[in-house]
């Protein structure tokens, strides 16, 4: 499970999201996302959105990771996330789930969904801040 959490957190980072090599390494060619907005995104659209992102002092805080094995090579990762500004303001609370598949050589994100939720207490540990 640790590798999936690490890779999920990598995808929260601006530098990773700007790297074509990292995106190709982490995201499956058949990727699909249903965002917090309810809009759907495929790999082509998500790459365009990531490429158009500007650097920001706002960071993703994620916590309460749980991993459920669906098949030996398919894992469901669930967690909570919130955006934290440089001044400490929090916004965009969400519950998230990701389906990771093992391709034979590496784990790749194949599906992701974010659902708005009520505020939760932020916890600190090594996986939370990125």
Protein backbone atom coordinates (compact mmCIF):
# COMPACT_ATOMS: atom_id res chain seq x y z
CA UNK A 1 0.00 0.00 0.00
CA UNK A 2 2.85 2.42 0.70
CA UNK A 3 3.85 2.64 -2.96
CA UNK A 4 0.28 3.56 -3.93
CA UNK A 5 0.11 6.30 -1.28
CA UNK A 6 3.48 7.64 -2.39
CA UNK A 7 2.39 7.69 -6.03
CA UNK A 8 -0.95 9.30 -5.19
CA UNK A 9 0.88 12.03 -3.28
CA UNK A 10 3.28 12.48 -6.21
CA UNK A 11 0.27 13.32 -8.38
CA UNK A 12 -0.63 16.13 -5.95
CA UNK A 13 2.69 17.87 -6.67
CA UNK A 14 2.99 20.58 -9.30
CA UNK A 15 6.41 19.46 -10.58
CA UNK A 16 5.19 15.90 -11.15
CA UNK A 17 2.01 17.15 -12.85
CA UNK A 18 4.18 19.18 -15.26
CA UNK A 19 6.40 16.23 -16.21
CA UNK A 20 5.24 14.21 -19.23
CA UNK A 21 7.50 11.32 -18.18
CA UNK A 22 6.03 11.25 -14.66
CA UNK A 23 2.47 11.48 -15.94
CA UNK A 24 3.13 8.60 -18.35
CA UNK A 25 4.72 6.59 -15.53
CA UNK A 26 1.89 7.19 -13.04
CA UNK A 27 -1.30 7.36 -15.11
CA UNK A 28 -2.70 4.48 -17.14
CA UNK A 29 -3.45 5.09 -20.86
CA UNK A 30 -7.15 4.21 -20.22
CA UNK A 31 -7.44 6.66 -17.29
CA UNK A 32 -10.83 8.12 -16.38
CA UNK A 33 -11.68 10.64 -13.66
CA UNK A 34 -14.93 11.92 -12.26
CA UNK A 35 -14.01 15.19 -10.57
CA UNK A 36 -15.58 16.92 -7.57
CA UNK A 37 -17.49 19.03 -10.11
CA UNK A 38 -19.12 15.91 -11.53
CA UNK A 39 -17.27 16.40 -14.83
CA UNK A 40 -15.48 13.45 -16.43
CA UNK A 41 -11.92 13.56 -17.73
CA UNK A 42 -9.93 11.12 -19.85
CA UNK A 43 -6.14 10.97 -20.09
CA UNK A 44 -5.94 13.46 -22.97
CA UNK A 45 -8.02 16.05 -21.14
CA UNK A 46 -6.27 15.54 -17.79
CA UNK A 47 -2.89 16.02 -19.49
CA UNK A 48 -4.14 19.29 -21.02
CA UNK A 49 -5.45 20.49 -17.65
CA UNK A 50 -2.21 19.62 -15.87
CA UNK A 51 -0.12 21.34 -18.55
CA UNK A 52 -2.15 24.54 -18.12
CA UNK A 53 -1.74 24.67 -14.31
CA UNK A 54 0.21 27.58 -12.84
CA UNK A 55 2.53 27.24 -9.83
CA UNK A 56 0.74 27.90 -6.55
CA UNK A 57 1.51 28.21 -2.85
CA UNK A 58 -1.61 26.15 -2.14
CA UNK A 59 -0.88 22.54 -1.28
CA UNK A 60 -2.89 19.34 -1.01
CA UNK A 61 -3.24 17.82 2.44
CA UNK A 62 -4.31 14.17 2.29
CA UNK A 63 -5.03 11.74 5.10
CA UNK A 64 -6.83 8.60 6.27
CA UNK A 65 -5.60 6.40 3.46
CA UNK A 66 -7.15 2.96 3.18
CA UNK A 67 -6.38 0.32 0.59
CA UNK A 68 -8.76 -2.43 -0.50
CA UNK A 69 -7.52 -5.22 -2.75
CA UNK A 70 -10.05 -5.81 -5.53
CA UNK A 71 -7.79 -8.31 -7.33
CA UNK A 72 -4.08 -9.06 -6.79
CA UNK A 73 -3.21 -6.49 -9.46
CA UNK A 74 -6.05 -4.03 -8.73
CA UNK A 75 -6.18 -1.87 -5.60
CA UNK A 76 -8.76 0.69 -4.45
CA UNK A 77 -7.17 3.54 -2.51
CA UNK A 78 -9.46 5.86 -0.54
CA UNK A 79 -8.55 9.02 1.38
CA UNK A 80 -9.59 12.54 2.37
CA UNK A 81 -8.06 15.69 0.93
CA UNK A 82 -8.20 19.42 1.46
CA UNK A 83 -6.45 22.40 -0.12
CA UNK A 84 -4.28 24.44 2.27
CA UNK A 85 -3.09 27.93 1.31
CA UNK A 86 0.28 29.38 2.31
CA UNK A 87 -1.53 31.35 5.04
CA UNK A 88 -3.12 28.16 6.40
CA UNK A 89 -6.63 28.67 5.02
CA UNK A 90 -8.34 25.40 4.12
CA UNK A 91 -10.87 24.75 1.37
CA UNK A 92 -12.19 22.11 -0.99
CA UNK A 93 -12.71 19.23 1.44
CA UNK A 94 -13.17 15.99 -0.48
CA UNK A 95 -13.32 12.23 -0.13
CA UNK A 96 -11.37 10.57 -2.90
CA UNK A 97 -10.92 7.13 -4.36
CA UNK A 98 -8.40 5.85 -6.85
CA UNK A 99 -8.13 2.53 -8.62
CA UNK A 100 -4.53 1.50 -9.22
CA UNK A 101 -3.61 -1.38 -11.55
CA UNK A 102 -0.36 -3.28 -11.74
CA UNK A 103 0.70 -3.42 -15.40
CA UNK A 104 3.34 -6.11 -14.92
CA UNK A 105 6.09 -3.53 -14.44
CA UNK A 106 4.54 -0.75 -12.35
CA UNK A 107 1.39 0.54 -10.64
CA UNK A 108 -0.65 3.06 -12.63
CA UNK A 109 -3.71 5.12 -11.78
CA UNK A 110 -6.64 3.97 -13.92
CA UNK A 111 -9.60 5.69 -12.23
CA UNK A 112 -10.01 8.58 -9.81
CA UNK A 113 -13.04 10.23 -8.23
CA UNK A 114 -13.43 13.17 -5.87
CA UNK A 115 -16.60 13.89 -3.92
CA UNK A 116 -17.13 17.10 -1.90
CA UNK A 117 -17.63 16.47 1.81
CA UNK A 118 -18.12 18.28 5.09
CA UNK A 119 -14.99 19.64 6.82
CA UNK A 120 -12.91 17.17 8.81
CA UNK A 121 -10.11 17.54 11.34
CA UNK A 122 -6.67 17.63 9.72
CA UNK A 123 -4.20 15.05 10.99
CA UNK A 124 -0.43 15.11 10.72
CA UNK A 125 1.81 12.24 9.68
CA UNK A 126 4.44 11.51 7.07
CA UNK A 127 1.93 10.89 4.27
CA UNK A 128 -0.22 13.98 4.66
CA UNK A 129 1.71 16.94 3.32
CA UNK A 130 3.07 17.25 -0.16
